[in-house]
Amino acid sequence: NDNVFGVLVQSADYTVYVNDKKVRSDTCAVGTRLVAGSAEEYEVSKTVGGKGSDFSAAEVKEIFSKGQLSYRVEGKIELARITIPFSFDGTIQLATGE
């Protein structure tokens, strides 16, 4: 919150994509009050591979052979009188074990 006053976050809706595949959608921060100059972070985790995975064995093999995966988080933050859309993306380098 870069404002000089506090804001009440009514909700924050987000969708996470890994390698352009939708892996999670949720709502968080319901009723969170951010004081002036503060921030709030939420951790989102997702297992790639294994039982119940959103990825096939071939997709997991490709991710590990490349040694990286791309991600994108899109959503919106609902305040009392305004909706703020957001989008962040990037690449995560995987540990090689070497």
PDB file of N, CA and C in Angstrom:
ATOM      1  N   ASN A   1       0.847  -1.176   0.000  1.00  0.00           N
ATOM      2  CA  ASN A   1       0.000   0.000   0.000  1.00  0.00           C
ATOM      3  C   ASN A   1       0.889   1.233   0.000  1.00  0.00           C
ATOM      4  N   ASP A   2       1.030   1.834  -1.146  1.00  0.00           N
ATOM      5  CA  ASP A   2       1.868   3.039  -1.284  1.00  0.00           C
ATOM      6  C   ASP A   2       1.151   4.303  -0.844  1.00  0.00           C
ATOM      7  N   ASN A   3      -0.100   4.180  -0.440  1.00  0.00           N
ATOM      8  CA  ASN A   3      -0.885   5.348  -0.045  1.00  0.00           C
ATOM      9  C   ASN A   3      -0.473   5.857   1.338  1.00  0.00           C
ATOM     10  N   VAL A   4      -0.876   7.072   1.640  1.00  0.00           N
ATOM     11  CA  VAL A   4      -0.615   7.649   2.963  1.00  0.00           C
ATOM     12  C   VAL A   4      -1.759   7.301   3.921  1.00  0.00           C
ATOM     13  N   PHE A   5      -2.674   6.469   3.474  1.00  0.00           N
ATOM     14  CA  PHE A   5      -3.807   6.038   4.295  1.00  0.00           C
ATOM     15  C   PHE A   5      -3.987   4.524   4.139  1.00  0.00           C
ATOM     16  N   GLY A   6      -4.619   3.909   5.113  1.00  0.00           N
ATOM     17  CA  GLY A   6      -4.875   2.482   5.070  1.00  0.00           C
ATOM     18  C   GLY A   6      -5.979   2.132   4.085  1.00  0.00           C
ATOM     19  N   VAL A   7      -5.977   0.898   3.615  1.00  0.00           N
ATOM     20  CA  VAL A   7      -7.034   0.417   2.726  1.00  0.00           C
ATOM     21  C   VAL A   7      -7.512  -0.941   3.209  1.00  0.00           C
ATOM     22  N   LEU A   8      -8.770  -1.229   2.945  1.00  0.00           N
ATOM     23  CA  LEU A   8      -9.346  -2.527   3.272  1.00  0.00           C
ATOM     24  C   LEU A   8      -9.457  -3.328   1.987  1.00  0.00           C
ATOM     25  N   VAL A   9      -8.756  -4.453   1.950  1.00  0.00           N
ATOM     26  CA  VAL A   9      -8.835  -5.346   0.797  1.00  0.00           C
ATOM     27  C   VAL A   9     -10.029  -6.257   1.005  1.00  0.00           C
ATOM     28  N   GLN A  10     -11.024  -6.117   0.145  1.00  0.00           N
ATOM     29  CA  GLN A  10     -12.200  -6.977   0.273  1.00  0.00           C
ATOM     30  C   GLN A  10     -11.872  -8.391  -0.158  1.00  0.00           C
ATOM     31  N   SER A  11     -11.102  -8.541  -1.229  1.00  0.00           N
ATOM     32  CA  SER A  11     -10.645  -9.856  -1.658  1.00  0.00           C
ATOM     33  C   SER A  11      -9.560  -9.701  -2.716  1.00  0.00           C
ATOM     34  N   ALA A  12      -8.807 -10.755  -2.897  1.00  0.00           N
ATOM     35  CA  ALA A  12      -7.817 -10.826  -3.957  1.00  0.00           C
ATOM     36  C   ALA A  12      -8.008 -12.179  -4.640  1.00  0.00           C
ATOM     37  N   ASP A  13      -8.410 -12.140  -5.889  1.00  0.00           N
ATOM     38  CA  ASP A  13      -8.601 -13.357  -6.676  1.00  0.00           C
ATOM     39  C   ASP A  13      -7.385 -13.535  -7.565  1.00  0.00           C
ATOM     40  N   TYR A  14      -6.884 -14.775  -7.663  1.00  0.00           N
ATOM     41  CA  TYR A  14      -5.711 -15.014  -8.493  1.00  0.00           C
ATOM     42  C   TYR A  14      -5.804 -16.362  -9.192  1.00  0.00           C
ATOM     43  N   THR A  15      -5.076 -16.449 -10.299  1.00  0.00           N
ATOM     44  CA  THR A  15      -4.902 -17.703 -11.024  1.00  0.00           C
ATOM     45  C   THR A  15      -3.422 -17.848 -11.317  1.00  0.00           C
ATOM     46  N   VAL A  16      -2.878 -19.041 -11.056  1.00  0.00           N
ATOM     47  CA  VAL A  16      -1.469 -19.330 -11.290  1.00  0.00           C
ATOM     48  C   VAL A  16      -1.352 -20.270 -12.490  1.00  0.00           C
ATOM     49  N   TYR A  17      -0.448 -19.926 -13.397  1.00  0.00           N
ATOM     50  CA  TYR A  17      -0.162 -20.756 -14.566  1.00  0.00           C
ATOM     51  C   TYR A  17       1.302 -21.185 -14.497  1.00  0.00           C
ATOM     52  N   VAL A  18       1.564 -22.435 -14.788  1.00  0.00           N
ATOM     53  CA  VAL A  18       2.928 -22.942 -14.903  1.00  0.00           C
ATOM     54  C   VAL A  18       3.070 -23.506 -16.308  1.00  0.00           C
ATOM     55  N   ASN A  19       4.047 -23.006 -17.035  1.00  0.00           N
ATOM     56  CA  ASN A  19       4.231 -23.383 -18.441  1.00  0.00           C
ATOM     57  C   ASN A  19       2.917 -23.261 -19.208  1.00  0.00           C
ATOM     58  N   ASP A  20       2.220 -22.166 -18.982  1.00  0.00           N
ATOM     59  CA  ASP A  20       0.951 -21.828 -19.641  1.00  0.00           C
ATOM     60  C   ASP A  20      -0.200 -22.769 -19.303  1.00  0.00           C
ATOM     61  N   LYS A  21      -0.035 -23.587 -18.277  1.00  0.00           N
ATOM     62  CA  LYS A  21      -1.112 -24.470 -17.831  1.00  0.00           C
ATOM     63  C   LYS A  21      -1.665 -23.944 -16.511  1.00  0.00           C
ATOM     64  N   LYS A  22      -2.986 -23.743 -16.452  1.00  0.00           N
ATOM     65  CA  LYS A  22      -3.623 -23.265 -15.230  1.00  0.00           C
ATOM     66  C   LYS A  22      -3.503 -24.342 -14.150  1.00  0.00           C
ATOM     67  N   VAL A  23      -2.878 -23.976 -13.015  1.00  0.00           N
ATOM     68  CA  VAL A  23      -2.666 -24.963 -11.956  1.00  0.00           C
ATOM     69  C   VAL A  23      -3.375 -24.625 -10.651  1.00  0.00           C
ATOM     70  N   ARG A  24      -3.810 -23.377 -10.497  1.00  0.00           N
ATOM     71  CA  ARG A  24      -4.503 -23.036  -9.256  1.00  0.00           C
ATOM     72  C   ARG A  24      -5.217 -21.702  -9.384  1.00  0.00           C
ATOM     73  N   SER A  25      -6.419 -21.640  -8.830  1.00  0.00           N
ATOM     74  CA  SER A  25      -7.175 -20.394  -8.697  1.00  0.00           C
ATOM     75  C   SER A  25      -7.737 -20.349  -7.293  1.00  0.00           C
ATOM     76  N   ASP A  26      -7.751 -19.162  -6.710  1.00  0.00           N
ATOM     77  CA  ASP A  26      -8.243 -19.050  -5.337  1.00  0.00           C
ATOM     78  C   ASP A  26      -8.543 -17.586  -5.031  1.00  0.00           C
ATOM     79  N   THR A  27      -9.108 -17.373  -3.861  1.00  0.00           N
ATOM     80  CA  THR A  27      -9.357 -16.040  -3.323  1.00  0.00           C
ATOM     81  C   THR A  27      -8.664 -15.960  -1.974  1.00  0.00           C
ATOM     82  N   CYS A  28      -7.991 -14.861  -1.722  1.00  0.00           N
ATOM     83  CA  CYS A  28      -7.313 -14.689  -0.435  1.00  0.00           C
ATOM     84  C   CYS A  28      -7.469 -13.245   0.016  1.00  0.00           C
ATOM     85  N   ALA A  29      -6.900 -12.908   1.134  1.00  0.00           N
ATOM     86  CA  ALA A  29      -6.861 -11.549   1.686  1.00  0.00           C
ATOM     87  C   ALA A  29      -8.245 -10.984   1.984  1.00  0.00           C
ATOM     88  N   VAL A  30      -9.227 -11.832   2.180  1.00  0.00           N
ATOM     89  CA  VAL A  30     -10.582 -11.343   2.442  1.00  0.00           C
ATOM     90  C   VAL A  30     -10.586 -10.573   3.762  1.00  0.00           C
ATOM     91  N   GLY A  31     -10.932  -9.270   3.683  1.00  0.00           N
ATOM     92  CA  GLY A  31     -11.024  -8.441   4.876  1.00  0.00           C
ATOM     93  C   GLY A  31      -9.702  -7.999   5.459  1.00  0.00           C
ATOM     94  N   THR A  32      -8.612  -8.076   4.704  1.00  0.00           N
ATOM     95  CA  THR A  32      -7.294  -7.666   5.202  1.00  0.00           C
ATOM     96  C   THR A  32      -7.163  -6.149   5.140  1.00  0.00           C
ATOM     97  N   ARG A  33      -6.766  -5.540   6.240  1.00  0.00           N
ATOM     98  CA  ARG A  33      -6.530  -4.096   6.265  1.00  0.00           C
ATOM     99  C   ARG A  33      -5.029  -3.861   6.136  1.00  0.00           C
ATOM    100  N   LEU A  34      -4.667  -3.079   5.112  1.00  0.00           N
ATOM    101  CA  LEU A  34      -3.272  -2.706   4.906  1.00  0.00           C
ATOM    102  C   LEU A  34      -3.076  -1.273   5.369  1.00  0.00           C
ATOM    103  N   VAL A  35      -2.224  -1.109   6.362  1.00  0.00           N
ATOM    104  CA  VAL A  35      -1.948   0.243   6.839  1.00  0.00           C
ATOM    105  C   VAL A  35      -1.075   0.956   5.814  1.00  0.00           C
ATOM    106  N   ALA A  36      -1.017   2.263   5.902  1.00  0.00           N
ATOM    107  CA  ALA A  36      -0.232   3.070   4.968  1.00  0.00           C
ATOM    108  C   ALA A  36       1.210   2.568   4.921  1.00  0.00           C
ATOM    109  N   GLY A  37       1.741   2.429   3.706  1.00  0.00           N
ATOM    110  CA  GLY A  37       3.135   2.030   3.524  1.00  0.00           C
ATOM    111  C   GLY A  37       3.430   0.569   3.807  1.00  0.00           C
ATOM    112  N   SER A  38       2.413  -0.268   3.921  1.00  0.00           N
ATOM    113  CA  SER A  38       2.656  -1.671   4.245  1.00  0.00           C
ATOM    114  C   SER A  38       2.351  -2.572   3.053  1.00  0.00           C
ATOM    115  N   ALA A  39       2.645  -3.859   3.216  1.00  0.00           N
ATOM    116  CA  ALA A  39       2.387  -4.853   2.172  1.00  0.00           C
ATOM    117  C   ALA A  39       1.987  -6.161   2.839  1.00  0.00           C
ATOM    118  N   GLU A  40       1.427  -7.026   2.057  1.00  0.00           N
ATOM    119  CA  GLU A  40       1.037  -8.356   2.525  1.00  0.00           C
ATOM    120  C   GLU A  40       1.438  -9.346   1.436  1.00  0.00           C
ATOM    121  N   GLU A  41       2.019 -10.473   1.844  1.00  0.00           N
ATOM    122  CA  GLU A  41       2.422 -11.497   0.887  1.00  0.00           C
ATOM    123  C   GLU A  41       1.691 -12.790   1.194  1.00  0.00           C
ATOM    124  N   TYR A  42       1.421 -13.555   0.146  1.00  0.00           N
ATOM    125  CA  TYR A  42       0.777 -14.861   0.285  1.00  0.00           C
ATOM    126  C   TYR A  42       1.581 -15.873  -0.505  1.00  0.00           C
ATOM    127  N   GLU A  43       1.921 -16.963   0.135  1.00  0.00           N
ATOM    128  CA  GLU A  43       2.683 -18.015  -0.525  1.00  0.00           C
ATOM    129  C   GLU A  43       1.724 -18.997  -1.174  1.00  0.00           C
ATOM    130  N   VAL A  44       2.037 -19.367  -2.404  1.00  0.00           N
ATOM    131  CA  VAL A  44       1.260 -20.355  -3.142  1.00  0.00           C
ATOM    132  C   VAL A  44       2.221 -21.450  -3.559  1.00  0.00           C
ATOM    133  N   SER A  45       1.897 -22.692  -3.253  1.00  0.00           N
ATOM    134  CA  SER A  45       2.768 -23.792  -3.661  1.00  0.00           C
ATOM    135  C   SER A  45       1.994 -24.784  -4.518  1.00  0.00           C
ATOM    136  N   LYS A  46       2.705 -25.463  -5.382  1.00  0.00           N
ATOM    137  CA  LYS A  46       2.102 -26.444  -6.270  1.00  0.00           C
ATOM    138  C   LYS A  46       3.142 -27.501  -6.575  1.00  0.00           C
ATOM    139  N   THR A  47       2.773 -28.761  -6.442  1.00  0.00           N
ATOM    140  CA  THR A  47       3.662 -29.863  -6.764  1.00  0.00           C
ATOM    141  C   THR A  47       3.565 -30.167  -8.250  1.00  0.00           C
ATOM    142  N   VAL A  48       4.711 -30.273  -8.887  1.00  0.00           N
ATOM    143  CA  VAL A  48       4.768 -30.618 -10.304  1.00  0.00           C
ATOM    144  C   VAL A  48       5.246 -32.057 -10.382  1.00  0.00           C
ATOM    145  N   GLY A  49       4.382 -32.943 -10.816  1.00  0.00           N
ATOM    146  CA  GLY A  49       4.722 -34.364 -10.899  1.00  0.00           C
ATOM    147  C   GLY A  49       4.161 -35.134  -9.724  1.00  0.00           C
ATOM    148  N   GLY A  50       4.130 -36.428  -9.876  1.00  0.00           N
ATOM    149  CA  GLY A  50       3.626 -37.292  -8.819  1.00  0.00           C
ATOM    150  C   GLY A  50       2.126 -37.503  -8.908  1.00  0.00           C
ATOM    151  N   LYS A  51       1.614 -38.237  -7.964  1.00  0.00           N
ATOM    152  CA  LYS A  51       0.196 -38.586  -7.935  1.00  0.00           C
ATOM    153  C   LYS A  51      -0.678 -37.336  -7.813  1.00  0.00           C
ATOM    154  N   GLY A  52      -1.700 -37.239  -8.651  1.00  0.00           N
ATOM    155  CA  GLY A  52      -2.613 -36.104  -8.606  1.00  0.00           C
ATOM    156  C   GLY A  52      -2.076 -34.840  -9.247  1.00  0.00           C
ATOM    157  N   SER A  53      -0.974 -34.936  -9.974  1.00  0.00           N
ATOM    158  CA  SER A  53      -0.365 -33.767 -10.610  1.00  0.00           C
ATOM    159  C   SER A  53      -1.205 -33.292 -11.782  1.00  0.00           C
ATOM    160  N   ASP A  54      -1.110 -31.993 -12.069  1.00  0.00           N
ATOM    161  CA  ASP A  54      -1.755 -31.410 -13.243  1.00  0.00           C
ATOM    162  C   ASP A  54      -0.931 -31.658 -14.509  1.00  0.00           C
ATOM    163  N   PHE A  55       0.251 -32.240 -14.357  1.00  0.00           N
ATOM    164  CA  PHE A  55       1.164 -32.430 -15.470  1.00  0.00           C
ATOM    165  C   PHE A  55       1.360 -33.907 -15.771  1.00  0.00           C
ATOM    166  N   SER A  56       1.441 -34.228 -17.052  1.00  0.00           N
ATOM    167  CA  SER A  56       1.715 -35.603 -17.466  1.00  0.00           C
ATOM    168  C   SER A  56       3.183 -35.921 -17.200  1.00  0.00           C
ATOM    169  N   ALA A  57       3.518 -37.192 -17.244  1.00  0.00           N
ATOM    170  CA  ALA A  57       4.906 -37.601 -17.045  1.00  0.00           C
ATOM    171  C   ALA A  57       5.804 -36.970 -18.106  1.00  0.00           C
ATOM    172  N   ALA A  58       5.312 -36.860 -19.339  1.00  0.00           N
ATOM    173  CA  ALA A  58       6.104 -36.244 -20.414  1.00  0.00           C
ATOM    174  C   ALA A  58       6.340 -34.763 -20.144  1.00  0.00           C
ATOM    175  N   GLU A  59       5.321 -34.065 -19.633  1.00  0.00           N
ATOM    176  CA  GLU A  59       5.475 -32.639 -19.317  1.00  0.00           C
ATOM    177  C   GLU A  59       6.471 -32.432 -18.186  1.00  0.00           C
ATOM    178  N   VAL A  60       6.423 -33.290 -17.180  1.00  0.00           N
ATOM    179  CA  VAL A  60       7.372 -33.193 -16.061  1.00  0.00           C
ATOM    180  C   VAL A  60       8.786 -33.451 -16.554  1.00  0.00           C
ATOM    181  N   LYS A  61       8.937 -34.458 -17.409  1.00  0.00           N
ATOM    182  CA  LYS A  61      10.265 -34.771 -17.963  1.00  0.00           C
ATOM    183  C   LYS A  61      10.809 -33.582 -18.750  1.00  0.00           C
ATOM    184  N   GLU A  62       9.952 -32.929 -19.524  1.00  0.00           N
ATOM    185  CA  GLU A  62      10.376 -31.769 -20.298  1.00  0.00           C
ATOM    186  C   GLU A  62      10.805 -30.616 -19.388  1.00  0.00           C
ATOM    187  N   ILE A  63      10.031 -30.375 -18.320  1.00  0.00           N
ATOM    188  CA  ILE A  63      10.377 -29.308 -17.366  1.00  0.00           C
ATOM    189  C   ILE A  63      11.756 -29.560 -16.773  1.00  0.00           C
ATOM    190  N   PHE A  64      11.996 -30.801 -16.323  1.00  0.00           N
ATOM    191  CA  PHE A  64      13.286 -31.103 -15.696  1.00  0.00           C
ATOM    192  C   PHE A  64      14.423 -31.128 -16.704  1.00  0.00           C
ATOM    193  N   SER A  65      14.160 -31.531 -17.939  1.00  0.00           N
ATOM    194  CA  SER A  65      15.231 -31.538 -18.937  1.00  0.00           C
ATOM    195  C   SER A  65      15.639 -30.106 -19.299  1.00  0.00           C
ATOM    196  N   LYS A  66      14.687 -29.173 -19.310  1.00  0.00           N
ATOM    197  CA  LYS A  66      15.001 -27.772 -19.579  1.00  0.00           C
ATOM    198  C   LYS A  66      15.640 -27.092 -18.380  1.00  0.00           C
ATOM    199  N   GLY A  67      15.363 -27.613 -17.179  1.00  0.00           N
ATOM    200  CA  GLY A  67      15.934 -27.030 -15.970  1.00  0.00           C
ATOM    201  C   GLY A  67      15.272 -25.739 -15.535  1.00  0.00           C
ATOM    202  N   GLN A  68      14.089 -25.469 -16.074  1.00  0.00           N
ATOM    203  CA  GLN A  68      13.373 -24.253 -15.701  1.00  0.00           C
ATOM    204  C   GLN A  68      11.896 -24.407 -16.015  1.00  0.00           C
ATOM    205  N   LEU A  69      11.119 -23.543 -15.396  1.00  0.00           N
ATOM    206  CA  LEU A  69       9.700 -23.473 -15.738  1.00  0.00           C
ATOM    207  C   LEU A  69       9.270 -22.023 -15.709  1.00  0.00           C
ATOM    208  N   SER A  70       8.277 -21.720 -16.508  1.00  0.00           N
ATOM    209  CA  SER A  70       7.750 -20.353 -16.533  1.00  0.00           C
ATOM    210  C   SER A  70       6.480 -20.308 -15.694  1.00  0.00           C
ATOM    211  N   TYR A  71       6.225 -19.161 -15.131  1.00  0.00           N
ATOM    212  CA  TYR A  71       5.013 -18.991 -14.331  1.00  0.00           C
ATOM    213  C   TYR A  71       4.372 -17.649 -14.648  1.00  0.00           C
ATOM    214  N   ARG A  72       3.091 -17.586 -14.373  1.00  0.00           N
ATOM    215  CA  ARG A  72       2.344 -16.334 -14.521  1.00  0.00           C
ATOM    216  C   ARG A  72       1.264 -16.333 -13.446  1.00  0.00           C
ATOM    217  N   VAL A  73       1.086 -15.214 -12.801  1.00  0.00           N
ATOM    218  CA  VAL A  73       0.020 -15.035 -11.810  1.00  0.00           C
ATOM    219  C   VAL A  73      -0.809 -13.849 -12.275  1.00  0.00           C
ATOM    220  N   GLU A  74      -2.108 -14.073 -12.444  1.00  0.00           N
ATOM    221  CA  GLU A  74      -3.019 -13.014 -12.873  1.00  0.00           C
ATOM    222  C   GLU A  74      -4.170 -12.942 -11.893  1.00  0.00           C
ATOM    223  N   GLY A  75      -4.729 -11.767 -11.742  1.00  0.00           N
ATOM    224  CA  GLY A  75      -5.879 -11.652 -10.865  1.00  0.00           C
ATOM    225  C   GLY A  75      -6.329 -10.226 -10.691  1.00  0.00           C
ATOM    226  N   LYS A  76      -7.070 -10.035  -9.612  1.00  0.00           N
ATOM    227  CA  LYS A  76      -7.574  -8.692  -9.308  1.00  0.00           C
ATOM    228  C   LYS A  76      -7.708  -8.539  -7.803  1.00  0.00           C
ATOM    229  N   ILE A  77      -7.524  -7.320  -7.361  1.00  0.00           N
ATOM    230  CA  ILE A  77      -7.682  -6.964  -5.952  1.00  0.00           C
ATOM    231  C   ILE A  77      -8.904  -6.067  -5.854  1.00  0.00           C
ATOM    232  N   GLU A  78      -9.834  -6.458  -5.018  1.00  0.00           N
ATOM    233  CA  GLU A  78     -11.075  -5.694  -4.830  1.00  0.00           C
ATOM    234  C   GLU A  78     -10.944  -4.836  -3.577  1.00  0.00           C
ATOM    235  N   LEU A  79     -11.039  -3.522  -3.774  1.00  0.00           N
ATOM    236  CA  LEU A  79     -11.090  -2.583  -2.665  1.00  0.00           C
ATOM    237  C   LEU A  79     -12.520  -2.062  -2.593  1.00  0.00           C
ATOM    238  N   ALA A  80     -12.804  -1.191  -1.669  1.00  0.00           N
ATOM    239  CA  ALA A  80     -14.175  -0.701  -1.494  1.00  0.00           C
ATOM    240  C   ALA A  80     -14.742  -0.056  -2.750  1.00  0.00           C
ATOM    241  N   ARG A  81     -13.945   0.747  -3.434  1.00  0.00           N
ATOM    242  CA  ARG A  81     -14.473   1.500  -4.571  1.00  0.00           C
ATOM    243  C   ARG A  81     -13.714   1.278  -5.869  1.00  0.00           C
ATOM    244  N   ILE A  82     -12.785   0.348  -5.876  1.00  0.00           N
ATOM    245  CA  ILE A  82     -11.953   0.158  -7.063  1.00  0.00           C
ATOM    246  C   ILE A  82     -11.507  -1.295  -7.155  1.00  0.00           C
ATOM    247  N   THR A  83     -11.327  -1.745  -8.384  1.00  0.00           N
ATOM    248  CA  THR A  83     -10.754  -3.065  -8.655  1.00  0.00           C
ATOM    249  C   THR A  83      -9.425  -2.844  -9.362  1.00  0.00           C
ATOM    250  N   ILE A  84      -8.378  -3.495  -8.869  1.00  0.00           N
ATOM    251  CA  ILE A  84      -7.045  -3.337  -9.430  1.00  0.00           C
ATOM    252  C   ILE A  84      -6.606  -4.674 -10.035  1.00  0.00           C
ATOM    253  N   PRO A  85      -6.491  -4.746 -11.353  1.00  0.00           N
ATOM    254  CA  PRO A  85      -6.000  -5.981 -11.967  1.00  0.00           C
ATOM    255  C   PRO A  85      -4.481  -6.077 -11.807  1.00  0.00           C
ATOM    256  N   PHE A  86      -3.954  -7.300 -11.805  1.00  0.00           N
ATOM    257  CA  PHE A  86      -2.503  -7.470 -11.748  1.00  0.00           C
ATOM    258  C   PHE A  86      -2.090  -8.695 -12.552  1.00  0.00           C
ATOM    259  N   SER A  87      -0.831  -8.693 -12.949  1.00  0.00           N
ATOM    260  CA  SER A  87      -0.239  -9.812 -13.661  1.00  0.00           C
ATOM    261  C   SER A  87       1.262  -9.778 -13.432  1.00  0.00           C
ATOM    262  N   PHE A  88       1.820 -10.905 -13.033  1.00  0.00           N
ATOM    263  CA  PHE A  88       3.258 -11.049 -12.829  1.00  0.00           C
ATOM    264  C   PHE A  88       3.679 -12.328 -13.526  1.00  0.00           C
ATOM    265  N   ASP A  89       4.861 -12.317 -14.138  1.00  0.00           N
ATOM    266  CA  ASP A  89       5.360 -13.537 -14.746  1.00  0.00           C
ATOM    267  C   ASP A  89       6.856 -13.617 -14.605  1.00  0.00           C
ATOM    268  N   GLY A  90       7.385 -14.807 -14.852  1.00  0.00           N
ATOM    269  CA  GLY A  90       8.818 -14.994 -14.741  1.00  0.00           C
ATOM    270  C   GLY A  90       9.209 -16.423 -15.009  1.00  0.00           C
ATOM    271  N   THR A  91      10.470 -16.712 -14.752  1.00  0.00           N
ATOM    272  CA  THR A  91      11.032 -18.043 -14.955  1.00  0.00           C
ATOM    273  C   THR A  91      11.727 -18.475 -13.675  1.00  0.00           C
ATOM    274  N   ILE A  92      11.534 -19.728 -13.312  1.00  0.00           N
ATOM    275  CA  ILE A  92      12.215 -20.299 -12.151  1.00  0.00           C
ATOM    276  C   ILE A  92      13.242 -21.292 -12.656  1.00  0.00           C
ATOM    277  N   GLN A  93      14.501 -21.083 -12.261  1.00  0.00           N
ATOM    278  CA  GLN A  93      15.559 -22.020 -12.586  1.00  0.00           C
ATOM    279  C   GLN A  93      15.550 -23.133 -11.547  1.00  0.00           C
ATOM    280  N   LEU A  94      15.509 -24.368 -12.012  1.00  0.00           N
ATOM    281  CA  LEU A  94      15.468 -25.507 -11.104  1.00  0.00           C
ATOM    282  C   LEU A  94      16.881 -25.929 -10.707  1.00  0.00           C
ATOM    283  N   ALA A  95      16.992 -26.430  -9.489  1.00  0.00           N
ATOM    284  CA  ALA A  95      18.295 -26.919  -9.009  1.00  0.00           C
ATOM    285  C   ALA A  95      18.671 -28.156  -9.818  1.00  0.00           C
ATOM    286  N   THR A  96      19.941 -28.243 -10.181  1.00  0.00           N
ATOM    287  CA  THR A  96      20.399 -29.373 -10.997  1.00  0.00           C
ATOM    288  C   THR A  96      20.884 -30.533 -10.151  1.00  0.00           C
ATOM    289  N   GLY A  97      21.128 -30.302  -8.882  1.00  0.00           N
ATOM    290  CA  GLY A  97      21.646 -31.369  -8.016  1.00  0.00           C
ATOM    291  C   GLY A  97      23.143 -31.552  -8.133  1.00  0.00           C
ATOM    292  N   GLU A  98      23.788 -30.692  -8.881  1.00  0.00           N
ATOM    293  CA  GLU A  98      25.247 -30.792  -9.045  1.00  0.00           C
ATOM    294  C   GLU A  98      25.959 -29.989  -8.005  1.00  0.00           C
TER     295      GLU A  98
END
